[in-house]
Amino acid sequence: MTRNQYKPDRVSSPGDTLKELLAEFGITQEELARSINIPGDAVRDIIKGDAAITSDVAHGLEQVLTDPTSTN
């Protein structure tokens, strides 16, 4: 049996990915926080790596940051 030997040179943090998505969607941290009903500083803390993404936040992120033209 062959195991996957993929070893990326760099792995982005969830906060980096979130920051990139906010820029791509043109949404501010404050707008995102309001739209998923969390405190404004919570998004900042996630981006900085000072807070985890809970299942409720993950669900909210999915609702707001899913491309409606995506066919997945």
C-alpha atoms as a PDB file:
ATOM      1  CA  MET A   1       0.000   0.000   0.000  1.00  0.00           C
ATOM      2  CA  THR A   2       1.367   3.423  -1.001  1.00  0.00           C
ATOM      3  CA  ARG A   3       0.858   6.350   1.328  1.00  0.00           C
ATOM      4  CA  ASN A   4       0.440   9.907   0.173  1.00  0.00           C
ATOM      5  CA  GLN A   5       3.820  11.573   0.585  1.00  0.00           C
ATOM      6  CA  TYR A   6       2.662  15.128  -0.134  1.00  0.00           C
ATOM      7  CA  LYS A   7       4.632  17.558   2.011  1.00  0.00           C
ATOM      8  CA  PRO A   8       3.830  21.209   1.242  1.00  0.00           C
ATOM      9  CA  ASP A   9       6.510  23.856   1.699  1.00  0.00           C
ATOM     10  CA  ARG A  10       4.036  26.173   3.389  1.00  0.00           C
ATOM     11  CA  VAL A  11       0.672  25.769   5.032  1.00  0.00           C
ATOM     12  CA  SER A  12      -1.419  28.866   5.609  1.00  0.00           C
ATOM     13  CA  SER A  13      -3.119  29.408   8.934  1.00  0.00           C
ATOM     14  CA  PRO A  14      -6.911  29.639   9.163  1.00  0.00           C
ATOM     15  CA  GLY A  15      -6.501  33.339   9.962  1.00  0.00           C
ATOM     16  CA  ASP A  16      -4.463  33.948   6.806  1.00  0.00           C
ATOM     17  CA  THR A  17      -7.055  32.123   4.745  1.00  0.00           C
ATOM     18  CA  LEU A  18      -9.884  34.113   6.335  1.00  0.00           C
ATOM     19  CA  LYS A  19      -8.057  37.393   5.702  1.00  0.00           C
ATOM     20  CA  GLU A  20      -7.594  36.468   2.027  1.00  0.00           C
ATOM     21  CA  LEU A  21     -11.257  35.508   1.665  1.00  0.00           C
ATOM     22  CA  LEU A  22     -12.430  38.758   3.215  1.00  0.00           C
ATOM     23  CA  ALA A  23     -10.347  40.677   0.675  1.00  0.00           C
ATOM     24  CA  GLU A  24     -11.602  38.494  -2.184  1.00  0.00           C
ATOM     25  CA  PHE A  25     -15.241  39.007  -1.184  1.00  0.00           C
ATOM     26  CA  GLY A  26     -14.765  42.681  -0.348  1.00  0.00           C
ATOM     27  CA  ILE A  27     -16.044  42.256   3.198  1.00  0.00           C
ATOM     28  CA  THR A  28     -14.612  44.033   6.228  1.00  0.00           C
ATOM     29  CA  GLN A  29     -13.974  42.239   9.498  1.00  0.00           C
ATOM     30  CA  GLU A  30     -16.769  44.254  11.090  1.00  0.00           C
ATOM     31  CA  GLU A  31     -19.241  43.372   8.331  1.00  0.00           C
ATOM     32  CA  LEU A  32     -18.390  39.703   8.680  1.00  0.00           C
ATOM     33  CA  ALA A  33     -18.805  39.820  12.454  1.00  0.00           C
ATOM     34  CA  ARG A  34     -22.232  41.449  12.136  1.00  0.00           C
ATOM     35  CA  SER A  35     -23.373  39.017   9.459  1.00  0.00           C
ATOM     36  CA  ILE A  36     -22.514  35.951  11.539  1.00  0.00           C
ATOM     37  CA  ASN A  37     -23.555  37.538  14.835  1.00  0.00           C
ATOM     38  CA  ILE A  38     -20.254  37.505  16.711  1.00  0.00           C
ATOM     39  CA  PRO A  39     -18.371  40.332  18.448  1.00  0.00           C
ATOM     40  CA  GLY A  40     -16.317  42.495  16.119  1.00  0.00           C
ATOM     41  CA  ASP A  41     -13.039  41.679  17.820  1.00  0.00           C
ATOM     42  CA  ALA A  42     -13.663  37.930  17.438  1.00  0.00           C
ATOM     43  CA  VAL A  43     -12.868  38.061  13.706  1.00  0.00           C
ATOM     44  CA  ARG A  44      -9.699  40.015  14.435  1.00  0.00           C
ATOM     45  CA  ASP A  45      -8.695  37.444  17.047  1.00  0.00           C
ATOM     46  CA  ILE A  46      -9.262  34.568  14.608  1.00  0.00           C
ATOM     47  CA  ILE A  47      -7.140  36.302  11.970  1.00  0.00           C
ATOM     48  CA  LYS A  48      -4.361  36.927  14.508  1.00  0.00           C
ATOM     49  CA  GLY A  49      -4.488  33.297  15.640  1.00  0.00           C
ATOM     50  CA  ASP A  50      -5.628  34.250  19.147  1.00  0.00           C
ATOM     51  CA  ALA A  51      -9.023  32.524  18.870  1.00  0.00           C
ATOM     52  CA  ALA A  52     -10.221  29.247  17.462  1.00  0.00           C
ATOM     53  CA  ILE A  53     -12.928  28.842  14.855  1.00  0.00           C
ATOM     54  CA  THR A  54     -15.858  27.225  16.632  1.00  0.00           C
ATOM     55  CA  SER A  55     -18.396  25.101  14.799  1.00  0.00           C
ATOM     56  CA  ASP A  56     -20.952  27.937  14.974  1.00  0.00           C
ATOM     57  CA  VAL A  57     -18.451  30.419  13.525  1.00  0.00           C
ATOM     58  CA  ALA A  58     -17.448  27.907  10.844  1.00  0.00           C
ATOM     59  CA  HIS A  59     -21.083  27.515   9.828  1.00  0.00           C
ATOM     60  CA  GLY A  60     -21.482  31.294   9.643  1.00  0.00           C
ATOM     61  CA  LEU A  61     -18.310  31.620   7.566  1.00  0.00           C
ATOM     62  CA  GLU A  62     -19.615  28.992   5.179  1.00  0.00           C
ATOM     63  CA  GLN A  63     -22.886  30.884   4.767  1.00  0.00           C
ATOM     64  CA  VAL A  64     -21.204  34.233   4.110  1.00  0.00           C
ATOM     65  CA  LEU A  65     -18.055  33.221   2.227  1.00  0.00           C
ATOM     66  CA  THR A  66     -19.384  30.576  -0.152  1.00  0.00           C
ATOM     67  CA  ASP A  67     -19.249  31.612  -3.782  1.00  0.00           C
ATOM     68  CA  PRO A  68     -22.846  31.430  -5.068  1.00  0.00           C
ATOM     69  CA  THR A  69     -21.533  30.580  -8.555  1.00  0.00           C
ATOM     70  CA  SER A  70     -19.583  27.601  -7.224  1.00  0.00           C
ATOM     71  CA  THR A  71     -20.734  24.212  -8.485  1.00  0.00           C
ATOM     72  CA  ASN A  72     -19.149  21.987  -5.828  1.00  0.00           C
END
